Amino acid sequence: MDLIFKALSDDTRRLLLDRLRQRDGQTLTELEASTGMTRFGVMKHLKLLEAANLVITHKAGRFKYHYLNAAPLQQLVDRWIEPMTQQPLARAALDLKAELERTTLMSDVKKPDFMLETFIRTTPDRVWQALTTTEPSKQFMLMGGGIYGTIAANETYEYRLDDGKVMVSGKILAAEAPSLLDMTFMMPWMGPDAPVSRNVYKLAAVGDLTKLTILHYDLPAEQEGLKEAWAQIAASLKSLLETGKGLHFEIEDHSQTELA
């Protein structure tokens, strides 16, 4: 927490976060140009933001891209703001509009449009089980949806609500337990022309913690709501595995109105 508050106390670092909030996945050169700062100045402030885990990076080809990491900020909200108001946080609904350019692994050659990283005090096996098993997933996914299907390459999956409504579906591109889950992502309730994108979960043991990285590819700029939804999902998963109870976020279901 101390590193987060230290990082946020400087207006220049807040400016860098604002720039990444406006457009995620920028290179050092792009941040230098958009802020009017020197390259050394940007590097110095990014180092502090990375130390606080407020900025995370992804290397694709020769380039290193920087992303605003919402998970630590969501944890601040969960710790103080939400208990004080005693109101569920109502944020933007899941809404994707993107075309999947390929169905092959592209993590090393293409940059994601969104990236989030959090650390969970548990093993990768437990995180994997929560992500890929119906009952655990229903305890942390938004709207109480659970994952159904065979979690293996070339198989299909669905996120269904208790009433059977399918909110998200797709194809498993890669499933390497307990380290990588890569799958297409579409919302069938948007109609027969619903766009398809791609999301990836990466898990790695770090001491007695698991580092969970969520990446989303082909996410258009106008679909900002999904970024906060991923932060909520990550926070709820962390709470479930560390305390035994997921977090409740009240999300409006747009699936009926979208098809009306």
C-alpha atoms as a PDB file:
ATOM      1  CA  MET A   1       0.000   0.000   0.000  1.00  0.00           C
ATOM      2  CA  ASP A   2       2.809   2.440   0.833  1.00  0.00           C
ATOM      3  CA  LEU A   3       4.286   2.101  -2.662  1.00  0.00           C
ATOM      4  CA  ILE A   4       0.885   2.770  -4.230  1.00  0.00           C
ATOM      5  CA  PHE A   5       0.315   5.956  -2.244  1.00  0.00           C
ATOM      6  CA  LYS A   6       3.854   7.125  -2.924  1.00  0.00           C
ATOM      7  CA  ALA A   7       3.383   6.549  -6.639  1.00  0.00           C
ATOM      8  CA  LEU A   8       0.055   8.407  -6.690  1.00  0.00           C
ATOM      9  CA  SER A   9       1.385  11.366  -4.687  1.00  0.00           C
ATOM     10  CA  ASP A  10       3.238  12.813  -7.680  1.00  0.00           C
ATOM     11  CA  ASP A  11       1.288  14.731 -10.342  1.00  0.00           C
ATOM     12  CA  THR A  12       3.702  13.660 -13.091  1.00  0.00           C
ATOM     13  CA  ARG A  13       3.112   9.996 -12.328  1.00  0.00           C
ATOM     14  CA  ARG A  14      -0.624  10.624 -12.242  1.00  0.00           C
ATOM     15  CA  LEU A  15      -0.268  12.210 -15.678  1.00  0.00           C
ATOM     16  CA  LEU A  16       1.392   9.037 -16.975  1.00  0.00           C
ATOM     17  CA  LEU A  17      -1.464   6.966 -15.553  1.00  0.00           C
ATOM     18  CA  ASP A  18      -3.941   9.324 -17.218  1.00  0.00           C
ATOM     19  CA  ARG A  19      -2.195   8.837 -20.553  1.00  0.00           C
ATOM     20  CA  LEU A  20      -2.388   5.057 -20.172  1.00  0.00           C
ATOM     21  CA  ARG A  21      -6.023   5.308 -19.112  1.00  0.00           C
ATOM     22  CA  GLN A  22      -6.712   7.191 -22.345  1.00  0.00           C
ATOM     23  CA  ARG A  23      -4.794   4.664 -24.432  1.00  0.00           C
ATOM     24  CA  ASP A  24      -3.320   1.510 -22.978  1.00  0.00           C
ATOM     25  CA  GLY A  25      -0.292  -0.297 -24.384  1.00  0.00           C
ATOM     26  CA  GLN A  26       2.031   2.631 -25.152  1.00  0.00           C
ATOM     27  CA  THR A  27       5.767   2.430 -25.718  1.00  0.00           C
ATOM     28  CA  LEU A  28       8.292   4.596 -23.887  1.00  0.00           C
ATOM     29  CA  THR A  29       8.636   6.768 -27.001  1.00  0.00           C
ATOM     30  CA  GLU A  30       4.860   7.293 -27.205  1.00  0.00           C
ATOM     31  CA  LEU A  31       4.632   8.253 -23.534  1.00  0.00           C
ATOM     32  CA  GLU A  32       7.533  10.647 -23.970  1.00  0.00           C
ATOM     33  CA  ALA A  33       5.754  12.337 -26.880  1.00  0.00           C
ATOM     34  CA  SER A  34       2.323  12.484 -25.232  1.00  0.00           C
ATOM     35  CA  THR A  35       3.579  13.977 -21.968  1.00  0.00           C
ATOM     36  CA  GLY A  36       6.261  16.367 -23.247  1.00  0.00           C
ATOM     37  CA  MET A  37       8.709  14.879 -20.745  1.00  0.00           C
ATOM     38  CA  THR A  38      12.265  13.795 -21.351  1.00  0.00           C
ATOM     39  CA  ARG A  39      12.947  10.109 -21.954  1.00  0.00           C
ATOM     40  CA  PHE A  40      14.900   9.917 -18.688  1.00  0.00           C
ATOM     41  CA  GLY A  41      12.031  11.534 -16.776  1.00  0.00           C
ATOM     42  CA  VAL A  42       9.474   9.112 -18.164  1.00  0.00           C
ATOM     43  CA  MET A  43      11.718   6.139 -17.389  1.00  0.00           C
ATOM     44  CA  LYS A  44      12.265   7.328 -13.811  1.00  0.00           C
ATOM     45  CA  HIS A  45       8.560   7.718 -13.094  1.00  0.00           C
ATOM     46  CA  LEU A  46       7.617   4.494 -14.858  1.00  0.00           C
ATOM     47  CA  LYS A  47      10.080   2.639 -12.651  1.00  0.00           C
ATOM     48  CA  LEU A  48       8.226   3.835  -9.539  1.00  0.00           C
ATOM     49  CA  LEU A  49       4.849   3.045 -11.046  1.00  0.00           C
ATOM     50  CA  GLU A  50       6.028  -0.453 -11.952  1.00  0.00           C
ATOM     51  CA  ALA A  51       7.379  -0.954  -8.421  1.00  0.00           C
ATOM     52  CA  ALA A  52       3.899  -0.138  -7.115  1.00  0.00           C
ATOM     53  CA  ASN A  53       2.409  -2.549  -9.708  1.00  0.00           C
ATOM     54  CA  LEU A  54       0.299   0.288 -11.099  1.00  0.00           C
ATOM     55  CA  VAL A  55       1.986  -0.123 -14.477  1.00  0.00           C
ATOM     56  CA  ILE A  56       2.829  -3.481 -16.036  1.00  0.00           C
ATOM     57  CA  THR A  57       4.604  -4.204 -19.294  1.00  0.00           C
ATOM     58  CA  HIS A  58       4.342  -6.625 -22.185  1.00  0.00           C
ATOM     59  CA  LYS A  59       7.061  -7.220 -24.760  1.00  0.00           C
ATOM     60  CA  ALA A  60       5.983  -7.990 -28.321  1.00  0.00           C
ATOM     61  CA  GLY A  61       8.742  -8.253 -30.892  1.00  0.00           C
ATOM     62  CA  ARG A  62      11.209  -5.391 -30.431  1.00  0.00           C
ATOM     63  CA  PHE A  63       8.786  -3.228 -28.489  1.00  0.00           C
ATOM     64  CA  LYS A  64       7.864  -2.956 -24.814  1.00  0.00           C
ATOM     65  CA  TYR A  65       4.326  -1.786 -24.108  1.00  0.00           C
ATOM     66  CA  HIS A  66       3.066  -0.220 -20.870  1.00  0.00           C
ATOM     67  CA  TYR A  67      -0.373  -0.813 -19.350  1.00  0.00           C
ATOM     68  CA  LEU A  68      -2.315   0.709 -16.494  1.00  0.00           C
ATOM     69  CA  ASN A  69      -2.865  -2.100 -13.968  1.00  0.00           C
ATOM     70  CA  ALA A  70      -6.285  -1.676 -12.370  1.00  0.00           C
ATOM     71  CA  ALA A  71      -5.968  -4.466  -9.789  1.00  0.00           C
ATOM     72  CA  PRO A  72      -4.178  -2.481  -7.008  1.00  0.00           C
ATOM     73  CA  LEU A  73      -6.637   0.405  -7.407  1.00  0.00           C
ATOM     74  CA  GLN A  74      -9.565  -2.011  -7.245  1.00  0.00           C
ATOM     75  CA  GLN A  75      -8.135  -3.412  -4.007  1.00  0.00           C
ATOM     76  CA  LEU A  76      -8.088   0.095  -2.517  1.00  0.00           C
ATOM     77  CA  VAL A  77     -11.749   0.494  -3.436  1.00  0.00           C
ATOM     78  CA  ASP A  78     -12.616  -2.904  -1.979  1.00  0.00           C
ATOM     79  CA  ARG A  79     -10.780  -2.135   1.254  1.00  0.00           C
ATOM     80  CA  TRP A  80     -12.184   1.310   2.034  1.00  0.00           C
ATOM     81  CA  ILE A  81     -14.757   2.801  -0.313  1.00  0.00           C
ATOM     82  CA  GLU A  82     -17.090  -0.145  -0.858  1.00  0.00           C
ATOM     83  CA  PRO A  83     -17.395  -1.099   2.865  1.00  0.00           C
ATOM     84  CA  MET A  84     -18.098   2.556   3.782  1.00  0.00           C
ATOM     85  CA  THR A  85     -20.910   2.980   1.285  1.00  0.00           C
ATOM     86  CA  GLN A  86     -22.201  -0.587   1.755  1.00  0.00           C
ATOM     87  CA  GLN A  87     -23.383  -0.434  -1.812  1.00  0.00           C
ATOM     88  CA  PRO A  88     -22.422  -2.821  -4.592  1.00  0.00           C
ATOM     89  CA  LEU A  89     -20.251  -1.165  -7.189  1.00  0.00           C
ATOM     90  CA  ALA A  90     -22.249  -0.739 -10.389  1.00  0.00           C
ATOM     91  CA  ARG A  91     -19.916  -0.468 -13.317  1.00  0.00           C
ATOM     92  CA  ALA A  92     -20.136  -0.885 -17.052  1.00  0.00           C
ATOM     93  CA  ALA A  93     -21.502  -4.171 -18.331  1.00  0.00           C
ATOM     94  CA  LEU A  94     -19.405  -6.589 -20.312  1.00  0.00           C
ATOM     95  CA  ASP A  95     -19.593  -5.370 -23.903  1.00  0.00           C
ATOM     96  CA  LEU A  96     -17.154  -6.463 -26.571  1.00  0.00           C
ATOM     97  CA  LYS A  97     -16.824  -5.280 -30.176  1.00  0.00           C
ATOM     98  CA  ALA A  98     -13.765  -6.756 -31.803  1.00  0.00           C
ATOM     99  CA  GLU A  99     -12.722  -9.071 -34.596  1.00  0.00           C
ATOM    100  CA  LEU A 100     -10.409 -11.974 -33.859  1.00  0.00           C
ATOM    101  CA  GLU A 101      -7.632 -11.675 -36.417  1.00  0.00           C
ATOM    102  CA  ARG A 102      -6.198 -15.126 -35.762  1.00  0.00           C
ATOM    103  CA  THR A 103      -6.909 -18.238 -33.711  1.00  0.00           C
ATOM    104  CA  THR A 104      -3.257 -19.034 -33.114  1.00  0.00           C
ATOM    105  CA  LEU A 105      -1.117 -17.964 -30.172  1.00  0.00           C
ATOM    106  CA  MET A 106       0.113 -14.417 -30.719  1.00  0.00           C
ATOM    107  CA  SER A 107       1.334 -13.413 -27.261  1.00  0.00           C
ATOM    108  CA  ASP A 108       4.920 -12.899 -28.366  1.00  0.00           C
ATOM    109  CA  VAL A 109       4.235 -11.050 -31.631  1.00  0.00           C
ATOM    110  CA  LYS A 110       1.143  -8.951 -30.961  1.00  0.00           C
ATOM    111  CA  LYS A 111       0.414  -6.579 -28.111  1.00  0.00           C
ATOM    112  CA  PRO A 112      -2.770  -6.988 -26.035  1.00  0.00           C
ATOM    113  CA  ASP A 113      -5.260  -4.136 -25.831  1.00  0.00           C
ATOM    114  CA  PHE A 114      -5.723  -4.688 -22.096  1.00  0.00           C
ATOM    115  CA  MET A 115      -3.511  -6.206 -19.421  1.00  0.00           C
ATOM    116  CA  LEU A 116      -4.010  -6.712 -15.664  1.00  0.00           C
ATOM    117  CA  GLU A 117      -1.754  -8.343 -13.093  1.00  0.00           C
ATOM    118  CA  THR A 118      -2.476  -9.379  -9.520  1.00  0.00           C
ATOM    119  CA  PHE A 119      -0.882 -11.621  -6.891  1.00  0.00           C
ATOM    120  CA  ILE A 120      -2.952 -14.207  -5.015  1.00  0.00           C
ATOM    121  CA  ARG A 121      -1.779 -15.965  -1.874  1.00  0.00           C
ATOM    122  CA  THR A 122      -2.376 -19.493  -3.110  1.00  0.00           C
ATOM    123  CA  THR A 123      -0.994 -22.023  -5.579  1.00  0.00           C
ATOM    124  CA  PRO A 124      -1.341 -21.937  -9.388  1.00  0.00           C
ATOM    125  CA  ASP A 125      -3.272 -25.221  -9.175  1.00  0.00           C
ATOM    126  CA  ARG A 126      -5.984 -23.615  -7.025  1.00  0.00           C
ATOM    127  CA  VAL A 127      -6.235 -20.588  -9.305  1.00  0.00           C
ATOM    128  CA  TRP A 128      -6.469 -22.875 -12.324  1.00  0.00           C
ATOM    129  CA  GLN A 129      -9.210 -24.927 -10.688  1.00  0.00           C
ATOM    130  CA  ALA A 130     -11.201 -21.773  -9.904  1.00  0.00           C
ATOM    131  CA  LEU A 131     -10.863 -20.517 -13.474  1.00  0.00           C
ATOM    132  CA  THR A 132     -11.804 -23.800 -15.143  1.00  0.00           C
ATOM    133  CA  THR A 133     -14.369 -25.460 -12.835  1.00  0.00           C
ATOM    134  CA  THR A 134     -18.063 -24.597 -12.744  1.00  0.00           C
ATOM    135  CA  GLU A 135     -18.837 -24.197  -9.039  1.00  0.00           C
ATOM    136  CA  PRO A 136     -15.734 -22.185  -8.046  1.00  0.00           C
ATOM    137  CA  SER A 137     -16.120 -19.910 -11.077  1.00  0.00           C
ATOM    138  CA  LYS A 138     -19.719 -19.118 -10.098  1.00  0.00           C
ATOM    139  CA  GLN A 139     -18.431 -17.701  -6.819  1.00  0.00           C
ATOM    140  CA  PHE A 140     -16.269 -14.983  -8.381  1.00  0.00           C
ATOM    141  CA  MET A 141     -17.487 -14.324 -11.943  1.00  0.00           C
ATOM    142  CA  LEU A 142     -19.812 -11.369 -12.556  1.00  0.00           C
ATOM    143  CA  MET A 143     -23.565 -12.010 -12.307  1.00  0.00           C
ATOM    144  CA  GLY A 144     -22.882 -15.452 -10.816  1.00  0.00           C
ATOM    145  CA  GLY A 145     -21.988 -16.991 -14.143  1.00  0.00           C
ATOM    146  CA  GLY A 146     -20.080 -20.261 -14.201  1.00  0.00           C
ATOM    147  CA  ILE A 147     -17.866 -21.862 -16.819  1.00  0.00           C
ATOM    148  CA  TYR A 148     -19.123 -24.998 -18.554  1.00  0.00           C
ATOM    149  CA  GLY A 149     -17.372 -27.245 -21.029  1.00  0.00           C
ATOM    150  CA  THR A 150     -14.222 -29.289 -21.456  1.00  0.00           C
ATOM    151  CA  ILE A 151     -11.193 -27.121 -20.808  1.00  0.00           C
ATOM    152  CA  ALA A 152      -8.852 -28.498 -23.448  1.00  0.00           C
ATOM    153  CA  ALA A 153      -7.458 -27.226 -26.751  1.00  0.00           C
ATOM    154  CA  ASN A 154     -10.018 -27.122 -29.592  1.00  0.00           C
ATOM    155  CA  GLU A 155     -12.946 -27.651 -27.225  1.00  0.00           C
ATOM    156  CA  THR A 156     -15.683 -25.068 -26.616  1.00  0.00           C
ATOM    157  CA  TYR A 157     -16.803 -23.411 -23.404  1.00  0.00           C
ATOM    158  CA  GLU A 158     -19.658 -21.227 -22.132  1.00  0.00           C
ATOM    159  CA  TYR A 159     -20.225 -18.868 -19.207  1.00  0.00           C
ATOM    160  CA  ARG A 160     -23.828 -19.492 -18.162  1.00  0.00           C
ATOM    161  CA  LEU A 161     -26.068 -17.912 -15.547  1.00  0.00           C
ATOM    162  CA  ASP A 162     -28.186 -20.052 -13.211  1.00  0.00           C
ATOM    163  CA  ASP A 163     -31.179 -19.644 -15.536  1.00  0.00           C
ATOM    164  CA  GLY A 164     -29.176 -21.168 -18.385  1.00  0.00           C
ATOM    165  CA  LYS A 165     -28.584 -17.929 -20.282  1.00  0.00           C
ATOM    166  CA  VAL A 166     -25.234 -18.010 -22.111  1.00  0.00           C
ATOM    167  CA  MET A 167     -23.381 -14.731 -21.516  1.00  0.00           C
ATOM    168  CA  VAL A 168     -20.015 -15.626 -23.081  1.00  0.00           C
ATOM    169  CA  SER A 169     -18.882 -18.490 -25.260  1.00  0.00           C
ATOM    170  CA  GLY A 170     -15.859 -19.414 -27.308  1.00  0.00           C
ATOM    171  CA  LYS A 171     -13.224 -21.925 -28.296  1.00  0.00           C
ATOM    172  CA  ILE A 172     -10.243 -23.024 -26.221  1.00  0.00           C
ATOM    173  CA  LEU A 173      -7.080 -22.217 -28.167  1.00  0.00           C
ATOM    174  CA  ALA A 174      -4.644 -23.524 -25.540  1.00  0.00           C
ATOM    175  CA  ALA A 175      -5.012 -25.051 -22.082  1.00  0.00           C
ATOM    176  CA  GLU A 176      -1.738 -25.796 -20.310  1.00  0.00           C
ATOM    177  CA  ALA A 177      -2.596 -26.486 -16.671  1.00  0.00           C
ATOM    178  CA  PRO A 178      -1.797 -24.718 -14.450  1.00  0.00           C
ATOM    179  CA  SER A 179      -0.034 -21.962 -16.372  1.00  0.00           C
ATOM    180  CA  LEU A 180      -1.914 -20.858 -19.532  1.00  0.00           C
ATOM    181  CA  LEU A 181      -5.526 -20.620 -20.664  1.00  0.00           C
ATOM    182  CA  ASP A 182      -6.085 -18.984 -24.052  1.00  0.00           C
ATOM    183  CA  MET A 183      -9.552 -18.731 -25.605  1.00  0.00           C
ATOM    184  CA  THR A 184     -11.782 -16.818 -27.956  1.00  0.00           C
ATOM    185  CA  PHE A 185     -14.450 -14.619 -26.376  1.00  0.00           C
ATOM    186  CA  MET A 186     -17.865 -13.668 -27.746  1.00  0.00           C
ATOM    187  CA  MET A 187     -21.287 -12.713 -26.404  1.00  0.00           C
ATOM    188  CA  PRO A 188     -23.933 -14.755 -28.259  1.00  0.00           C
ATOM    189  CA  TRP A 189     -26.779 -12.633 -26.857  1.00  0.00           C
ATOM    190  CA  MET A 190     -25.558  -9.792 -29.095  1.00  0.00           C
ATOM    191  CA  GLY A 191     -26.884 -11.707 -32.078  1.00  0.00           C
ATOM    192  CA  PRO A 192     -25.567 -13.830 -34.952  1.00  0.00           C
ATOM    193  CA  ASP A 193     -23.002 -11.194 -35.910  1.00  0.00           C
ATOM    194  CA  ALA A 194     -21.555 -10.891 -32.403  1.00  0.00           C
ATOM    195  CA  PRO A 195     -17.868  -9.976 -32.673  1.00  0.00           C
ATOM    196  CA  VAL A 196     -15.162 -12.292 -31.402  1.00  0.00           C
ATOM    197  CA  SER A 197     -12.074 -11.331 -29.415  1.00  0.00           C
ATOM    198  CA  ARG A 198      -9.558 -13.254 -27.357  1.00  0.00           C
ATOM    199  CA  ASN A 199      -8.560 -13.398 -23.694  1.00  0.00           C
ATOM    200  CA  VAL A 200      -5.628 -15.110 -22.018  1.00  0.00           C
ATOM    201  CA  TYR A 201      -4.932 -16.097 -18.414  1.00  0.00           C
ATOM    202  CA  LYS A 202      -1.290 -16.617 -17.440  1.00  0.00           C
ATOM    203  CA  LEU A 203      -0.355 -18.117 -14.059  1.00  0.00           C
ATOM    204  CA  ALA A 204       3.072 -18.313 -12.445  1.00  0.00           C
ATOM    205  CA  ALA A 205       4.254 -19.245  -8.952  1.00  0.00           C
ATOM    206  CA  VAL A 206       6.119 -16.468  -7.122  1.00  0.00           C
ATOM    207  CA  GLY A 207       7.168 -17.839  -3.740  1.00  0.00           C
ATOM    208  CA  ASP A 208       3.951 -18.687  -1.882  1.00  0.00           C
ATOM    209  CA  LEU A 209       1.946 -16.454  -4.252  1.00  0.00           C
ATOM    210  CA  THR A 210       0.526 -16.921  -7.718  1.00  0.00           C
ATOM    211  CA  LYS A 211       0.933 -14.126 -10.229  1.00  0.00           C
ATOM    212  CA  LEU A 212      -2.179 -13.983 -12.375  1.00  0.00           C
ATOM    213  CA  THR A 213      -1.989 -11.985 -15.597  1.00  0.00           C
ATOM    214  CA  ILE A 214      -5.114 -11.321 -17.662  1.00  0.00           C
ATOM    215  CA  LEU A 215      -4.648 -10.164 -21.254  1.00  0.00           C
ATOM    216  CA  HIS A 216      -7.351  -9.210 -23.727  1.00  0.00           C
ATOM    217  CA  TYR A 217      -6.643  -8.892 -27.437  1.00  0.00           C
ATOM    218  CA  ASP A 218      -8.665  -7.104 -30.129  1.00  0.00           C
ATOM    219  CA  LEU A 219     -10.551  -4.948 -27.640  1.00  0.00           C
ATOM    220  CA  PRO A 220     -11.771  -1.748 -29.369  1.00  0.00           C
ATOM    221  CA  ALA A 221     -11.329   1.642 -27.750  1.00  0.00           C
ATOM    222  CA  GLU A 222     -15.064   2.189 -27.247  1.00  0.00           C
ATOM    223  CA  GLN A 223     -15.371  -0.933 -25.071  1.00  0.00           C
ATOM    224  CA  GLU A 224     -13.755   0.558 -21.969  1.00  0.00           C
ATOM    225  CA  GLY A 225     -16.251  -1.112 -19.615  1.00  0.00           C
ATOM    226  CA  LEU A 226     -14.607  -4.495 -19.924  1.00  0.00           C
ATOM    227  CA  LYS A 227     -11.408  -3.190 -18.337  1.00  0.00           C
ATOM    228  CA  GLU A 228     -13.209  -2.456 -15.070  1.00  0.00           C
ATOM    229  CA  ALA A 229     -15.090  -5.744 -15.319  1.00  0.00           C
ATOM    230  CA  TRP A 230     -11.761  -7.613 -15.493  1.00  0.00           C
ATOM    231  CA  ALA A 231     -10.562  -5.689 -12.416  1.00  0.00           C
ATOM    232  CA  GLN A 232     -13.702  -6.756 -10.560  1.00  0.00           C
ATOM    233  CA  ILE A 233     -13.291 -10.374 -11.619  1.00  0.00           C
ATOM    234  CA  ALA A 234      -9.636 -10.428 -10.530  1.00  0.00           C
ATOM    235  CA  ALA A 235     -10.472  -8.831  -7.171  1.00  0.00           C
ATOM    236  CA  SER A 236     -13.317 -11.282  -6.556  1.00  0.00           C
ATOM    237  CA  LEU A 237     -11.140 -14.274  -7.487  1.00  0.00           C
ATOM    238  CA  LYS A 238      -8.391 -13.081  -5.153  1.00  0.00           C
ATOM    239  CA  SER A 239     -10.898 -12.635  -2.318  1.00  0.00           C
ATOM    240  CA  LEU A 240     -12.429 -16.080  -2.910  1.00  0.00           C
ATOM    241  CA  LEU A 241      -9.095 -17.902  -2.806  1.00  0.00           C
ATOM    242  CA  GLU A 242      -7.672 -15.929   0.127  1.00  0.00           C
ATOM    243  CA  THR A 243     -10.781 -15.565   2.321  1.00  0.00           C
ATOM    244  CA  GLY A 244     -13.188 -18.198   1.026  1.00  0.00           C
ATOM    245  CA  LYS A 245     -15.682 -15.605  -0.194  1.00  0.00           C
ATOM    246  CA  GLY A 246     -15.887 -13.812  -3.515  1.00  0.00           C
ATOM    247  CA  LEU A 247     -16.887 -10.157  -3.862  1.00  0.00           C
ATOM    248  CA  HIS A 248     -20.332  -9.109  -5.020  1.00  0.00           C
ATOM    249  CA  PHE A 249     -20.629  -6.594  -7.843  1.00  0.00           C
ATOM    250  CA  GLU A 250     -24.076  -5.690  -9.085  1.00  0.00           C
ATOM    251  CA  ILE A 251     -23.900  -5.611 -12.874  1.00  0.00           C
ATOM    252  CA  GLU A 252     -26.843  -4.671 -15.071  1.00  0.00           C
ATOM    253  CA  ASP A 253     -27.797  -7.405 -17.537  1.00  0.00           C
ATOM    254  CA  HIS A 254     -28.065  -5.842 -20.996  1.00  0.00           C
ATOM    255  CA  SER A 255     -28.575  -9.113 -22.835  1.00  0.00           C
ATOM    256  CA  GLN A 256     -32.311  -8.606 -23.257  1.00  0.00           C
ATOM    257  CA  THR A 257     -32.289  -4.972 -24.319  1.00  0.00           C
ATOM    258  CA  GLU A 258     -29.461  -5.493 -26.811  1.00  0.00           C
ATOM    259  CA  LEU A 259     -31.519  -8.030 -28.735  1.00  0.00           C
ATOM    260  CA  ALA A 260     -34.822  -6.163 -28.498  1.00  0.00           C
END
